[in-house]
PDB file of N, CA and C in Angstrom:
ATOM      1  N   MET A   1      17.726 -23.151  17.957  1.00  0.00           N
ATOM      2  CA  MET A   1      17.254 -22.139  18.879  1.00  0.00           C
ATOM      3  C   MET A   1      15.726 -22.083  18.812  1.00  0.00           C
ATOM      4  N   GLU A   2      15.122 -22.123  19.957  1.00  0.00           N
ATOM      5  CA  GLU A   2      13.671 -22.076  20.033  1.00  0.00           C
ATOM      6  C   GLU A   2      13.214 -20.658  20.367  1.00  0.00           C
ATOM      7  N   LEU A   3      12.144 -20.248  19.714  1.00  0.00           N
ATOM      8  CA  LEU A   3      11.613 -18.900  19.944  1.00  0.00           C
ATOM      9  C   LEU A   3      10.774 -18.861  21.221  1.00  0.00           C
ATOM     10  N   PRO A   4      10.819 -17.739  21.922  1.00  0.00           N
ATOM     11  CA  PRO A   4       9.910 -17.567  23.067  1.00  0.00           C
ATOM     12  C   PRO A   4       8.458 -17.590  22.572  1.00  0.00           C
ATOM     13  N   THR A   5       7.567 -18.078  23.414  1.00  0.00           N
ATOM     14  CA  THR A   5       6.156 -18.221  23.042  1.00  0.00           C
ATOM     15  C   THR A   5       5.553 -16.908  22.579  1.00  0.00           C
ATOM     16  N   GLN A   6       5.851 -15.843  23.295  1.00  0.00           N
ATOM     17  CA  GLN A   6       5.269 -14.542  22.930  1.00  0.00           C
ATOM     18  C   GLN A   6       5.749 -14.099  21.544  1.00  0.00           C
ATOM     19  N   LEU A   7       6.987 -14.381  21.214  1.00  0.00           N
ATOM     20  CA  LEU A   7       7.517 -14.027  19.892  1.00  0.00           C
ATOM     21  C   LEU A   7       6.856 -14.873  18.807  1.00  0.00           C
ATOM     22  N   GLU A   8       6.661 -16.140  19.090  1.00  0.00           N
ATOM     23  CA  GLU A   8       5.952 -17.009  18.133  1.00  0.00           C
ATOM     24  C   GLU A   8       4.536 -16.486  17.875  1.00  0.00           C
ATOM     25  N   GLU A   9       3.874 -16.054  18.954  1.00  0.00           N
ATOM     26  CA  GLU A   9       2.516 -15.522  18.815  1.00  0.00           C
ATOM     27  C   GLU A   9       2.507 -14.248  17.977  1.00  0.00           C
ATOM     28  N   ARG A  10       3.508 -13.418  18.146  1.00  0.00           N
ATOM     29  CA  ARG A  10       3.609 -12.190  17.341  1.00  0.00           C
ATOM     30  C   ARG A  10       3.804 -12.534  15.866  1.00  0.00           C
ATOM     31  N   LEU A  11       4.631 -13.522  15.590  1.00  0.00           N
ATOM     32  CA  LEU A  11       4.866 -13.915  14.194  1.00  0.00           C
ATOM     33  C   LEU A  11       3.584 -14.441  13.557  1.00  0.00           C
ATOM     34  N   VAL A  12       2.809 -15.207  14.311  1.00  0.00           N
ATOM     35  CA  VAL A  12       1.517 -15.702  13.812  1.00  0.00           C
ATOM     36  C   VAL A  12       0.569 -14.532  13.570  1.00  0.00           C
ATOM     37  N   ALA A  13       0.545 -13.592  14.511  1.00  0.00           N
ATOM     38  CA  ALA A  13      -0.321 -12.408  14.352  1.00  0.00           C
ATOM     39  C   ALA A  13       0.088 -11.601  13.120  1.00  0.00           C
ATOM     40  N   LEU A  14       1.385 -11.475  12.877  1.00  0.00           N
ATOM     41  CA  LEU A  14       1.853 -10.741  11.695  1.00  0.00           C
ATOM     42  C   LEU A  14       1.477 -11.463  10.405  1.00  0.00           C
ATOM     43  N   GLU A  15       1.500 -12.771  10.448  1.00  0.00           N
ATOM     44  CA  GLU A  15       1.103 -13.540   9.266  1.00  0.00           C
ATOM     45  C   GLU A  15      -0.369 -13.284   8.940  1.00  0.00           C
ATOM     46  N   ARG A  16      -1.211 -13.310   9.975  1.00  0.00           N
ATOM     47  CA  ARG A  16      -2.641 -13.010   9.767  1.00  0.00           C
ATOM     48  C   ARG A  16      -2.825 -11.571   9.312  1.00  0.00           C
ATOM     49  N   MET A  17      -2.071 -10.669   9.897  1.00  0.00           N
ATOM     50  CA  MET A  17      -2.177  -9.259   9.552  1.00  0.00           C
ATOM     51  C   MET A  17      -1.770  -9.028   8.093  1.00  0.00           C
ATOM     52  N   GLY A  18      -0.870  -9.837   7.581  1.00  0.00           N
ATOM     53  CA  GLY A  18      -0.451  -9.723   6.186  1.00  0.00           C
ATOM     54  C   GLY A  18      -1.617  -9.897   5.229  1.00  0.00           C
ATOM     55  N   ALA A  19      -2.476 -10.856   5.530  1.00  0.00           N
ATOM     56  CA  ALA A  19      -3.653 -11.065   4.682  1.00  0.00           C
ATOM     57  C   ALA A  19      -4.573  -9.848   4.723  1.00  0.00           C
ATOM     58  N   GLU A  20      -4.722  -9.247   5.901  1.00  0.00           N
ATOM     59  CA  GLU A  20      -5.559  -8.058   6.035  1.00  0.00           C
ATOM     60  C   GLU A  20      -4.952  -6.868   5.283  1.00  0.00           C
ATOM     61  N   VAL A  21      -3.654  -6.681   5.408  1.00  0.00           N
ATOM     62  CA  VAL A  21      -2.979  -5.585   4.697  1.00  0.00           C
ATOM     63  C   VAL A  21      -3.117  -5.781   3.189  1.00  0.00           C
ATOM     64  N   ASP A  22      -2.921  -7.017   2.723  1.00  0.00           N
ATOM     65  CA  ASP A  22      -3.078  -7.295   1.291  1.00  0.00           C
ATOM     66  C   ASP A  22      -4.490  -6.961   0.823  1.00  0.00           C
ATOM     67  N   HIS A  23      -5.477  -7.348   1.609  1.00  0.00           N
ATOM     68  CA  HIS A  23      -6.873  -7.093   1.250  1.00  0.00           C
ATOM     69  C   HIS A  23      -7.160  -5.588   1.211  1.00  0.00           C
ATOM     70  N   GLN A  24      -6.763  -4.873   2.261  1.00  0.00           N
ATOM     71  CA  GLN A  24      -7.007  -3.435   2.322  1.00  0.00           C
ATOM     72  C   GLN A  24      -6.253  -2.697   1.211  1.00  0.00           C
ATOM     73  N   ALA A  25      -5.032  -3.112   0.927  1.00  0.00           N
ATOM     74  CA  ALA A  25      -4.257  -2.473  -0.143  1.00  0.00           C
ATOM     75  C   ALA A  25      -4.908  -2.710  -1.505  1.00  0.00           C
ATOM     76  N   ALA A  26      -5.428  -3.912  -1.710  1.00  0.00           N
ATOM     77  CA  ALA A  26      -6.099  -4.208  -2.986  1.00  0.00           C
ATOM     78  C   ALA A  26      -7.328  -3.324  -3.163  1.00  0.00           C
ATOM     79  N   LEU A  27      -8.115  -3.174  -2.106  1.00  0.00           N
ATOM     80  CA  LEU A  27      -9.295  -2.300  -2.186  1.00  0.00           C
ATOM     81  C   LEU A  27      -8.875  -0.856  -2.456  1.00  0.00           C
ATOM     82  N   TRP A  28      -7.871  -0.416  -1.746  1.00  0.00           N
ATOM     83  CA  TRP A  28      -7.391   0.965  -1.852  1.00  0.00           C
ATOM     84  C   TRP A  28      -6.859   1.248  -3.251  1.00  0.00           C
ATOM     85  N   LEU A  29      -6.055   0.351  -3.781  1.00  0.00           N
ATOM     86  CA  LEU A  29      -5.419   0.602  -5.067  1.00  0.00           C
ATOM     87  C   LEU A  29      -6.393   0.478  -6.236  1.00  0.00           C
ATOM     88  N   ALA A  30      -7.447  -0.285  -6.046  1.00  0.00           N
ATOM     89  CA  ALA A  30      -8.445  -0.416  -7.113  1.00  0.00           C
ATOM     90  C   ALA A  30      -9.432   0.750  -7.098  1.00  0.00           C
ATOM     91  N   ASP A  31      -9.498   1.451  -5.989  1.00  0.00           N
ATOM     92  CA  ASP A  31     -10.474   2.513  -5.785  1.00  0.00           C
ATOM     93  C   ASP A  31      -9.930   3.855  -6.268  1.00  0.00           C
ATOM     94  N   GLN A  32     -10.811   4.677  -6.836  1.00  0.00           N
ATOM     95  CA  GLN A  32     -10.402   6.018  -7.249  1.00  0.00           C
ATOM     96  C   GLN A  32     -11.218   7.091  -6.530  1.00  0.00           C
ATOM     97  N   THR A  33     -11.981   6.677  -5.530  1.00  0.00           N
ATOM     98  CA  THR A  33     -12.827   7.629  -4.825  1.00  0.00           C
ATOM     99  C   THR A  33     -12.229   8.076  -3.499  1.00  0.00           C
ATOM    100  N   GLY A  34     -11.236   7.352  -3.001  1.00  0.00           N
ATOM    101  CA  GLY A  34     -10.649   7.669  -1.704  1.00  0.00           C
ATOM    102  C   GLY A  34     -11.373   6.994  -0.553  1.00  0.00           C
ATOM    103  N   GLU A  35     -12.352   6.167  -0.868  1.00  0.00           N
ATOM    104  CA  GLU A  35     -13.166   5.512   0.156  1.00  0.00           C
ATOM    105  C   GLU A  35     -12.337   4.599   1.073  1.00  0.00           C
ATOM    106  N   TYR A  36     -11.322   3.965   0.515  1.00  0.00           N
ATOM    107  CA  TYR A  36     -10.561   2.972   1.269  1.00  0.00           C
ATOM    108  C   TYR A  36      -9.207   3.489   1.770  1.00  0.00           C
ATOM    109  N   ASP A  37      -8.906   4.749   1.552  1.00  0.00           N
ATOM    110  CA  ASP A  37      -7.606   5.304   1.934  1.00  0.00           C
ATOM    111  C   ASP A  37      -7.284   5.091   3.408  1.00  0.00           C
ATOM    112  N   LYS A  38      -8.173   5.531   4.267  1.00  0.00           N
ATOM    113  CA  LYS A  38      -7.903   5.483   5.711  1.00  0.00           C
ATOM    114  C   LYS A  38      -7.726   4.056   6.213  1.00  0.00           C
ATOM    115  N   ALA A  39      -8.590   3.155   5.786  1.00  0.00           N
ATOM    116  CA  ALA A  39      -8.506   1.763   6.249  1.00  0.00           C
ATOM    117  C   ALA A  39      -7.193   1.122   5.810  1.00  0.00           C
ATOM    118  N   ALA A  40      -6.805   1.364   4.571  1.00  0.00           N
ATOM    119  CA  ALA A  40      -5.568   0.773   4.063  1.00  0.00           C
ATOM    120  C   ALA A  40      -4.354   1.347   4.780  1.00  0.00           C
ATOM    121  N   LEU A  41      -4.309   2.651   4.903  1.00  0.00           N
ATOM    122  CA  LEU A  41      -3.171   3.279   5.568  1.00  0.00           C
ATOM    123  C   LEU A  41      -3.112   2.893   7.043  1.00  0.00           C
ATOM    124  N   ARG A  42      -4.259   2.760   7.670  1.00  0.00           N
ATOM    125  CA  ARG A  42      -4.294   2.338   9.080  1.00  0.00           C
ATOM    126  C   ARG A  42      -3.756   0.911   9.222  1.00  0.00           C
ATOM    127  N   SER A  43      -4.166   0.011   8.336  1.00  0.00           N
ATOM    128  CA  SER A  43      -3.695  -1.373   8.444  1.00  0.00           C
ATOM    129  C   SER A  43      -2.187  -1.464   8.188  1.00  0.00           C
ATOM    130  N   ILE A  44      -1.687  -0.664   7.264  1.00  0.00           N
ATOM    131  CA  ILE A  44      -0.245  -0.643   7.010  1.00  0.00           C
ATOM    132  C   ILE A  44       0.502  -0.087   8.220  1.00  0.00           C
ATOM    133  N   ALA A  45      -0.012   0.978   8.800  1.00  0.00           N
ATOM    134  CA  ALA A  45       0.638   1.578   9.979  1.00  0.00           C
ATOM    135  C   ALA A  45       0.638   0.597  11.156  1.00  0.00           C
ATOM    136  N   GLU A  46      -0.478  -0.100  11.369  1.00  0.00           N
ATOM    137  CA  GLU A  46      -0.553  -1.084  12.448  1.00  0.00           C
ATOM    138  C   GLU A  46       0.453  -2.200  12.224  1.00  0.00           C
ATOM    139  N   ALA A  47       0.555  -2.651  10.984  1.00  0.00           N
ATOM    140  CA  ALA A  47       1.516  -3.708  10.669  1.00  0.00           C
ATOM    141  C   ALA A  47       2.940  -3.244  10.931  1.00  0.00           C
ATOM    142  N   ARG A  48       3.261  -2.044  10.513  1.00  0.00           N
ATOM    143  CA  ARG A  48       4.614  -1.521  10.731  1.00  0.00           C
ATOM    144  C   ARG A  48       4.943  -1.436  12.219  1.00  0.00           C
ATOM    145  N   ARG A  49       3.973  -0.996  13.020  1.00  0.00           N
ATOM    146  CA  ARG A  49       4.204  -0.930  14.471  1.00  0.00           C
ATOM    147  C   ARG A  49       4.446  -2.321  15.055  1.00  0.00           C
ATOM    148  N   LEU A  50       3.625  -3.282  14.648  1.00  0.00           N
ATOM    149  CA  LEU A  50       3.776  -4.639  15.160  1.00  0.00           C
ATOM    150  C   LEU A  50       5.093  -5.254  14.686  1.00  0.00           C
ATOM    151  N   ILE A  51       5.494  -4.963  13.470  1.00  0.00           N
ATOM    152  CA  ILE A  51       6.777  -5.458  12.970  1.00  0.00           C
ATOM    153  C   ILE A  51       7.914  -4.896  13.823  1.00  0.00           C
ATOM    154  N   GLU A  52       7.877  -3.593  14.070  1.00  0.00           N
ATOM    155  CA  GLU A  52       8.933  -2.966  14.877  1.00  0.00           C
ATOM    156  C   GLU A  52       8.990  -3.566  16.271  1.00  0.00           C
ATOM    157  N   LEU A  53       7.831  -3.747  16.905  1.00  0.00           N
ATOM    158  CA  LEU A  53       7.799  -4.340  18.235  1.00  0.00           C
ATOM    159  C   LEU A  53       8.314  -5.786  18.225  1.00  0.00           C
ATOM    160  N   THR A  54       7.963  -6.512  17.177  1.00  0.00           N
ATOM    161  CA  THR A  54       8.393  -7.900  17.062  1.00  0.00           C
ATOM    162  C   THR A  54       9.901  -7.990  16.853  1.00  0.00           C
ATOM    163  N   VAL A  55      10.444  -7.125  16.017  1.00  0.00           N
ATOM    164  CA  VAL A  55      11.896  -7.110  15.796  1.00  0.00           C
ATOM    165  C   VAL A  55      12.614  -6.722  17.087  1.00  0.00           C
ATOM    166  N   ASP A  56      12.088  -5.734  17.795  1.00  0.00           N
ATOM    167  CA  ASP A  56      12.679  -5.356  19.089  1.00  0.00           C
ATOM    168  C   ASP A  56      12.655  -6.537  20.053  1.00  0.00           C
ATOM    169  N   MET A  57      11.543  -7.246  20.093  1.00  0.00           N
ATOM    170  CA  MET A  57      11.432  -8.404  20.973  1.00  0.00           C
ATOM    171  C   MET A  57      12.430  -9.489  20.572  1.00  0.00           C
ATOM    172  N   ALA A  58      12.562  -9.696  19.271  1.00  0.00           N
ATOM    173  CA  ALA A  58      13.509 -10.702  18.781  1.00  0.00           C
ATOM    174  C   ALA A  58      14.946 -10.313  19.136  1.00  0.00           C
ATOM    175  N   LEU A  59      15.262  -9.030  18.991  1.00  0.00           N
ATOM    176  CA  LEU A  59      16.608  -8.563  19.347  1.00  0.00           C
ATOM    177  C   LEU A  59      16.872  -8.744  20.839  1.00  0.00           C
ATOM    178  N   SER A  60      15.915  -8.353  21.657  1.00  0.00           N
ATOM    179  CA  SER A  60      16.124  -8.431  23.102  1.00  0.00           C
ATOM    180  C   SER A  60      16.196  -9.866  23.610  1.00  0.00           C
ATOM    181  N   SER A  61      15.583 -10.792  22.889  1.00  0.00           N
ATOM    182  CA  SER A  61      15.633 -12.195  23.312  1.00  0.00           C
ATOM    183  C   SER A  61      16.744 -12.969  22.606  1.00  0.00           C
ATOM    184  N   GLY A  62      17.528 -12.269  21.784  1.00  0.00           N
ATOM    185  CA  GLY A  62      18.637 -12.923  21.091  1.00  0.00           C
ATOM    186  C   GLY A  62      18.210 -13.822  19.944  1.00  0.00           C
ATOM    187  N   CYS A  63      17.031 -13.579  19.412  1.00  0.00           N
ATOM    188  CA  CYS A  63      16.489 -14.434  18.346  1.00  0.00           C
ATOM    189  C   CYS A  63      16.367 -13.715  17.005  1.00  0.00           C
ATOM    190  N   ALA A  64      17.012 -12.573  16.857  1.00  0.00           N
ATOM    191  CA  ALA A  64      16.849 -11.771  15.640  1.00  0.00           C
ATOM    192  C   ALA A  64      17.279 -12.513  14.379  1.00  0.00           C
ATOM    193  N   SER A  65      18.213 -13.441  14.516  1.00  0.00           N
ATOM    194  CA  SER A  65      18.694 -14.164  13.328  1.00  0.00           C
ATOM    195  C   SER A  65      17.968 -15.494  13.129  1.00  0.00           C
ATOM    196  N   HIS A  66      16.968 -15.755  13.946  1.00  0.00           N
ATOM    197  CA  HIS A  66      16.193 -16.990  13.798  1.00  0.00           C
ATOM    198  C   HIS A  66      15.510 -16.988  12.428  1.00  0.00           C
ATOM    199  N   ARG A  67      15.454 -18.149  11.821  1.00  0.00           N
ATOM    200  CA  ARG A  67      14.878 -18.295  10.475  1.00  0.00           C
ATOM    201  C   ARG A  67      13.477 -17.717  10.374  1.00  0.00           C
ATOM    202  N   ALA A  68      12.641 -17.933  11.365  1.00  0.00           N
ATOM    203  CA  ALA A  68      11.253 -17.436  11.320  1.00  0.00           C
ATOM    204  C   ALA A  68      11.205 -15.911  11.362  1.00  0.00           C
ATOM    205  N   VAL A  69      12.091 -15.292  12.131  1.00  0.00           N
ATOM    206  CA  VAL A  69      12.131 -13.831  12.223  1.00  0.00           C
ATOM    207  C   VAL A  69      12.653 -13.243  10.918  1.00  0.00           C
ATOM    208  N   VAL A  70      13.709 -13.825  10.388  1.00  0.00           N
ATOM    209  CA  VAL A  70      14.273 -13.347   9.120  1.00  0.00           C
ATOM    210  C   VAL A  70      13.253 -13.521   7.998  1.00  0.00           C
ATOM    211  N   GLN A  71      12.561 -14.646   8.003  1.00  0.00           N
ATOM    212  CA  GLN A  71      11.530 -14.905   6.986  1.00  0.00           C
ATOM    213  C   GLN A  71      10.393 -13.891   7.089  1.00  0.00           C
ATOM    214  N   MET A  72       9.979 -13.550   8.314  1.00  0.00           N
ATOM    215  CA  MET A  72       8.932 -12.559   8.514  1.00  0.00           C
ATOM    216  C   MET A  72       9.373 -11.205   7.953  1.00  0.00           C
ATOM    217  N   GLN A  73      10.607 -10.813   8.252  1.00  0.00           N
ATOM    218  CA  GLN A  73      11.100  -9.525   7.760  1.00  0.00           C
ATOM    219  C   GLN A  73      11.138  -9.500   6.233  1.00  0.00           C
ATOM    220  N   LYS A  74      11.583 -10.588   5.620  1.00  0.00           N
ATOM    221  CA  LYS A  74      11.634 -10.650   4.157  1.00  0.00           C
ATOM    222  C   LYS A  74      10.222 -10.614   3.564  1.00  0.00           C
ATOM    223  N   SER A  75       9.329 -11.348   4.175  1.00  0.00           N
ATOM    224  CA  SER A  75       7.944 -11.381   3.690  1.00  0.00           C
ATOM    225  C   SER A  75       7.329  -9.985   3.693  1.00  0.00           C
ATOM    226  N   TRP A  76       7.517  -9.257   4.784  1.00  0.00           N
ATOM    227  CA  TRP A  76       6.951  -7.907   4.871  1.00  0.00           C
ATOM    228  C   TRP A  76       7.684  -6.935   3.957  1.00  0.00           C
ATOM    229  N   SER A  77       8.968  -7.092   3.835  1.00  0.00           N
ATOM    230  CA  SER A  77       9.726  -6.225   2.925  1.00  0.00           C
ATOM    231  C   SER A  77       9.229  -6.419   1.496  1.00  0.00           C
ATOM    232  N   ASP A  78       9.037  -7.674   1.103  1.00  0.00           N
ATOM    233  CA  ASP A  78       8.508  -7.973  -0.239  1.00  0.00           C
ATOM    234  C   ASP A  78       7.098  -7.419  -0.404  1.00  0.00           C
ATOM    235  N   ARG A  79       6.270  -7.589   0.622  1.00  0.00           N
ATOM    236  CA  ARG A  79       4.876  -7.100   0.563  1.00  0.00           C
ATOM    237  C   ARG A  79       4.863  -5.587   0.368  1.00  0.00           C
ATOM    238  N   PHE A  80       5.650  -4.856   1.177  1.00  0.00           N
ATOM    239  CA  PHE A  80       5.675  -3.405   1.062  1.00  0.00           C
ATOM    240  C   PHE A  80       6.252  -2.962  -0.284  1.00  0.00           C
ATOM    241  N   ALA A  81       7.227  -3.705  -0.810  1.00  0.00           N
ATOM    242  CA  ALA A  81       7.782  -3.373  -2.129  1.00  0.00           C
ATOM    243  C   ALA A  81       6.716  -3.544  -3.212  1.00  0.00           C
ATOM    244  N   GLN A  82       5.935  -4.613  -3.125  1.00  0.00           N
ATOM    245  CA  GLN A  82       4.863  -4.832  -4.106  1.00  0.00           C
ATOM    246  C   GLN A  82       3.804  -3.736  -4.013  1.00  0.00           C
ATOM    247  N   ILE A  83       3.429  -3.377  -2.807  1.00  0.00           N
ATOM    248  CA  ILE A  83       2.444  -2.306  -2.637  1.00  0.00           C
ATOM    249  C   ILE A  83       3.005  -1.009  -3.214  1.00  0.00           C
ATOM    250  N   GLY A  84       4.276  -0.738  -2.966  1.00  0.00           N
ATOM    251  CA  GLY A  84       4.915   0.463  -3.516  1.00  0.00           C
ATOM    252  C   GLY A  84       4.892   0.474  -5.035  1.00  0.00           C
ATOM    253  N   GLU A  85       5.177  -0.664  -5.644  1.00  0.00           N
ATOM    254  CA  GLU A  85       5.124  -0.759  -7.110  1.00  0.00           C
ATOM    255  C   GLU A  85       3.716  -0.513  -7.618  1.00  0.00           C
ATOM    256  N   ARG A  86       2.732  -1.064  -6.924  1.00  0.00           N
ATOM    257  CA  ARG A  86       1.345  -0.880  -7.340  1.00  0.00           C
ATOM    258  C   ARG A  86       0.900   0.568  -7.157  1.00  0.00           C
ATOM    259  N   ILE A  87       1.397   1.230  -6.119  1.00  0.00           N
ATOM    260  CA  ILE A  87       1.091   2.646  -5.931  1.00  0.00           C
ATOM    261  C   ILE A  87       1.675   3.456  -7.079  1.00  0.00           C
ATOM    262  N   ASN A  88       2.920   3.163  -7.460  1.00  0.00           N
ATOM    263  CA  ASN A  88       3.541   3.868  -8.590  1.00  0.00           C
ATOM    264  C   ASN A  88       2.752   3.658  -9.871  1.00  0.00           C
ATOM    265  N   SER A  89       2.322   2.432 -10.102  1.00  0.00           N
ATOM    266  CA  SER A  89       1.528   2.141 -11.304  1.00  0.00           C
ATOM    267  C   SER A  89       0.210   2.909 -11.283  1.00  0.00           C
ATOM    268  N   LYS A  90      -0.417   2.970 -10.111  1.00  0.00           N
ATOM    269  CA  LYS A  90      -1.684   3.703  -9.999  1.00  0.00           C
ATOM    270  C   LYS A  90      -1.459   5.187 -10.249  1.00  0.00           C
ATOM    271  N   GLN A  91      -0.384   5.739  -9.716  1.00  0.00           N
ATOM    272  CA  GLN A  91      -0.102   7.157  -9.928  1.00  0.00           C
ATOM    273  C   GLN A  91       0.122   7.451 -11.413  1.00  0.00           C
ATOM    274  N   ILE A  92       0.820   6.583 -12.101  1.00  0.00           N
ATOM    275  CA  ILE A  92       1.051   6.762 -13.539  1.00  0.00           C
ATOM    276  C   ILE A  92      -0.277   6.709 -14.284  1.00  0.00           C
ATOM    277  N   ALA A  93      -1.104   5.719 -13.957  1.00  0.00           N
ATOM    278  CA  ALA A  93      -2.406   5.590 -14.626  1.00  0.00           C
ATOM    279  C   ALA A  93      -3.290   6.803 -14.356  1.00  0.00           C
ATOM    280  N   MET A  94      -3.295   7.274 -13.120  1.00  0.00           N
ATOM    281  CA  MET A  94      -4.111   8.443 -12.790  1.00  0.00           C
ATOM    282  C   MET A  94      -3.574   9.691 -13.487  1.00  0.00           C
ATOM    283  N   GLY A  95      -2.275   9.802 -13.595  1.00  0.00           N
ATOM    284  CA  GLY A  95      -1.681  10.927 -14.328  1.00  0.00           C
ATOM    285  C   GLY A  95      -2.105  10.914 -15.785  1.00  0.00           C
ATOM    286  N   ARG A  96      -2.151   9.731 -16.369  1.00  0.00           N
ATOM    287  CA  ARG A  96      -2.596   9.613 -17.767  1.00  0.00           C
ATOM    288  C   ARG A  96      -4.059  10.005 -17.906  1.00  0.00           C
ATOM    289  N   LEU A  97      -4.884   9.600 -16.945  1.00  0.00           N
ATOM    290  CA  LEU A  97      -6.301   9.965 -16.993  1.00  0.00           C
ATOM    291  C   LEU A  97      -6.486  11.481 -16.872  1.00  0.00           C
ATOM    292  N   VAL A  98      -5.722  12.091 -15.988  1.00  0.00           N
ATOM    293  CA  VAL A  98      -5.797  13.544 -15.844  1.00  0.00           C
ATOM    294  C   VAL A  98      -5.385  14.219 -17.147  1.00  0.00           C
ATOM    295  N   GLN A  99      -4.310  13.757 -17.758  1.00  0.00           N
ATOM    296  CA  GLN A  99      -3.843  14.342 -19.009  1.00  0.00           C
ATOM    297  C   GLN A  99      -4.880  14.162 -20.122  1.00  0.00           C
ATOM    298  N   LEU A 100      -5.512  12.998 -20.159  1.00  0.00           N
ATOM    299  CA  LEU A 100      -6.570  12.758 -21.153  1.00  0.00           C
ATOM    300  C   LEU A 100      -7.720  13.739 -20.941  1.00  0.00           C
ATOM    301  N   HIS A 101      -8.102  13.951 -19.699  1.00  0.00           N
ATOM    302  CA  HIS A 101      -9.177  14.902 -19.389  1.00  0.00           C
ATOM    303  C   HIS A 101      -8.783  16.314 -19.825  1.00  0.00           C
ATOM    304  N   VAL A 102      -7.555  16.722 -19.532  1.00  0.00           N
ATOM    305  CA  VAL A 102      -7.073  18.048 -19.935  1.00  0.00           C
ATOM    306  C   VAL A 102      -7.095  18.172 -21.456  1.00  0.00           C
ATOM    307  N   ASP A 103      -6.615  17.146 -22.143  1.00  0.00           N
ATOM    308  CA  ASP A 103      -6.601  17.172 -23.609  1.00  0.00           C
ATOM    309  C   ASP A 103      -8.010  17.288 -24.178  1.00  0.00           C
ATOM    310  N   ARG A 104      -8.942  16.549 -23.618  1.00  0.00           N
ATOM    311  CA  ARG A 104     -10.332  16.600 -24.087  1.00  0.00           C
ATOM    312  C   ARG A 104     -10.950  17.977 -23.814  1.00  0.00           C
ATOM    313  N   THR A 105     -10.626  18.552 -22.671  1.00  0.00           N
ATOM    314  CA  THR A 105     -11.141  19.880 -22.334  1.00  0.00           C
ATOM    315  C   THR A 105     -10.615  20.915 -23.323  1.00  0.00           C
ATOM    316  N   HIS A 106      -9.317  20.837 -23.628  1.00  0.00           N
ATOM    317  CA  HIS A 106      -8.730  21.764 -24.600  1.00  0.00           C
ATOM    318  C   HIS A 106      -9.359  21.576 -25.981  1.00  0.00           C
ATOM    319  N   ALA A 107      -9.580  20.342 -26.364  1.00  0.00           N
ATOM    320  CA  ALA A 107     -10.198  20.072 -27.669  1.00  0.00           C
ATOM    321  C   ALA A 107     -11.622  20.633 -27.714  1.00  0.00           C
ATOM    322  N   ALA A 108     -12.355  20.456 -26.618  1.00  0.00           N
ATOM    323  CA  ALA A 108     -13.728  20.972 -26.575  1.00  0.00           C
ATOM    324  C   ALA A 108     -13.737  22.496 -26.656  1.00  0.00           C
ATOM    325  N   LYS A 109     -12.828  23.141 -25.942  1.00  0.00           N
ATOM    326  CA  LYS A 109     -12.747  24.606 -25.985  1.00  0.00           C
ATOM    327  C   LYS A 109     -12.386  25.083 -27.390  1.00  0.00           C
ATOM    328  N   ALA A 110     -11.457  24.400 -28.024  1.00  0.00           N
ATOM    329  CA  ALA A 110     -11.061  24.772 -29.392  1.00  0.00           C
ATOM    330  C   ALA A 110     -12.235  24.602 -30.346  1.00  0.00           C
ATOM    331  N   TYR A 111     -12.992  23.543 -30.205  1.00  0.00           N
ATOM    332  CA  TYR A 111     -14.152  23.305 -31.056  1.00  0.00           C
ATOM    333  C   TYR A 111     -15.185  24.417 -30.873  1.00  0.00           C
ATOM    334  N   VAL A 112     -15.455  24.766 -29.619  1.00  0.00           N
ATOM    335  CA  VAL A 112     -16.423  25.818 -29.331  1.00  0.00           C
ATOM    336  C   VAL A 112     -15.993  27.119 -29.986  1.00  0.00           C
ATOM    337  N   LYS A 113     -14.730  27.459 -29.911  1.00  0.00           N
ATOM    338  CA  LYS A 113     -14.223  28.710 -30.514  1.00  0.00           C
ATOM    339  C   LYS A 113     -14.349  28.679 -32.031  1.00  0.00           C
ATOM    340  N   THR A 114     -14.060  27.537 -32.663  1.00  0.00           N
ATOM    341  CA  THR A 114     -14.115  27.486 -34.121  1.00  0.00           C
ATOM    342  C   THR A 114     -15.562  27.493 -34.642  1.00  0.00           C
ATOM    343  N   GLN A 115     -16.485  27.129 -33.807  1.00  0.00           N
ATOM    344  CA  GLN A 115     -17.890  27.122 -34.227  1.00  0.00           C
ATOM    345  C   GLN A 115     -18.592  28.427 -33.874  1.00  0.00           C
ATOM    346  N   GLY A 116     -17.868  29.376 -33.349  1.00  0.00           N
ATOM    347  CA  GLY A 116     -18.461  30.675 -33.016  1.00  0.00           C
ATOM    348  C   GLY A 116     -19.410  30.585 -31.834  1.00  0.00           C
ATOM    349  N   LEU A 117     -19.231  29.592 -31.003  1.00  0.00           N
ATOM    350  CA  LEU A 117     -20.113  29.411 -29.877  1.00  0.00           C
ATOM    351  C   LEU A 117     -19.567  29.999 -28.585  1.00  0.00           C
ATOM    352  N   SER A 118     -18.409  30.605 -28.675  1.00  0.00           N
ATOM    353  CA  SER A 118     -17.759  31.102 -27.448  1.00  0.00           C
ATOM    354  C   SER A 118     -18.503  32.269 -26.832  1.00  0.00           C
ATOM    355  N   ASP A 119     -19.409  32.904 -27.590  1.00  0.00           N
ATOM    356  CA  ASP A 119     -20.128  34.049 -27.053  1.00  0.00           C
ATOM    357  C   ASP A 119     -21.350  33.640 -26.242  1.00  0.00           C
ATOM    358  N   LEU A 120     -21.676  32.387 -26.228  1.00  0.00           N
ATOM    359  CA  LEU A 120     -22.889  31.923 -25.521  1.00  0.00           C
ATOM    360  C   LEU A 120     -22.725  31.949 -24.043  1.00  0.00           C
TER     361      LEU A 120
END
């Protein structure tokens, strides 16, 4: 079964978009300032929309089970799963940093009280 030209073009566009999503996600997940949040989320949202449109096109043209379409869906499913795992890891790491900060703050307050400096 041969894919319609427009569907082939969408699959190529999704492949290119995958590299952009990977890049934006890497910047976002490495960042702790929030600078890259919007760009990363926008690229993911754009990819999801294009995936949905491509799957709809594949269904309407009777090509949903074509190897290239199935491969595209698996590739994106794997990509989103990896991003999800990395988000979970980042949340755990950030939670640990927050807890460390809280612990240090409590230790500093306790030290100040034991040194009679709390009246300053």
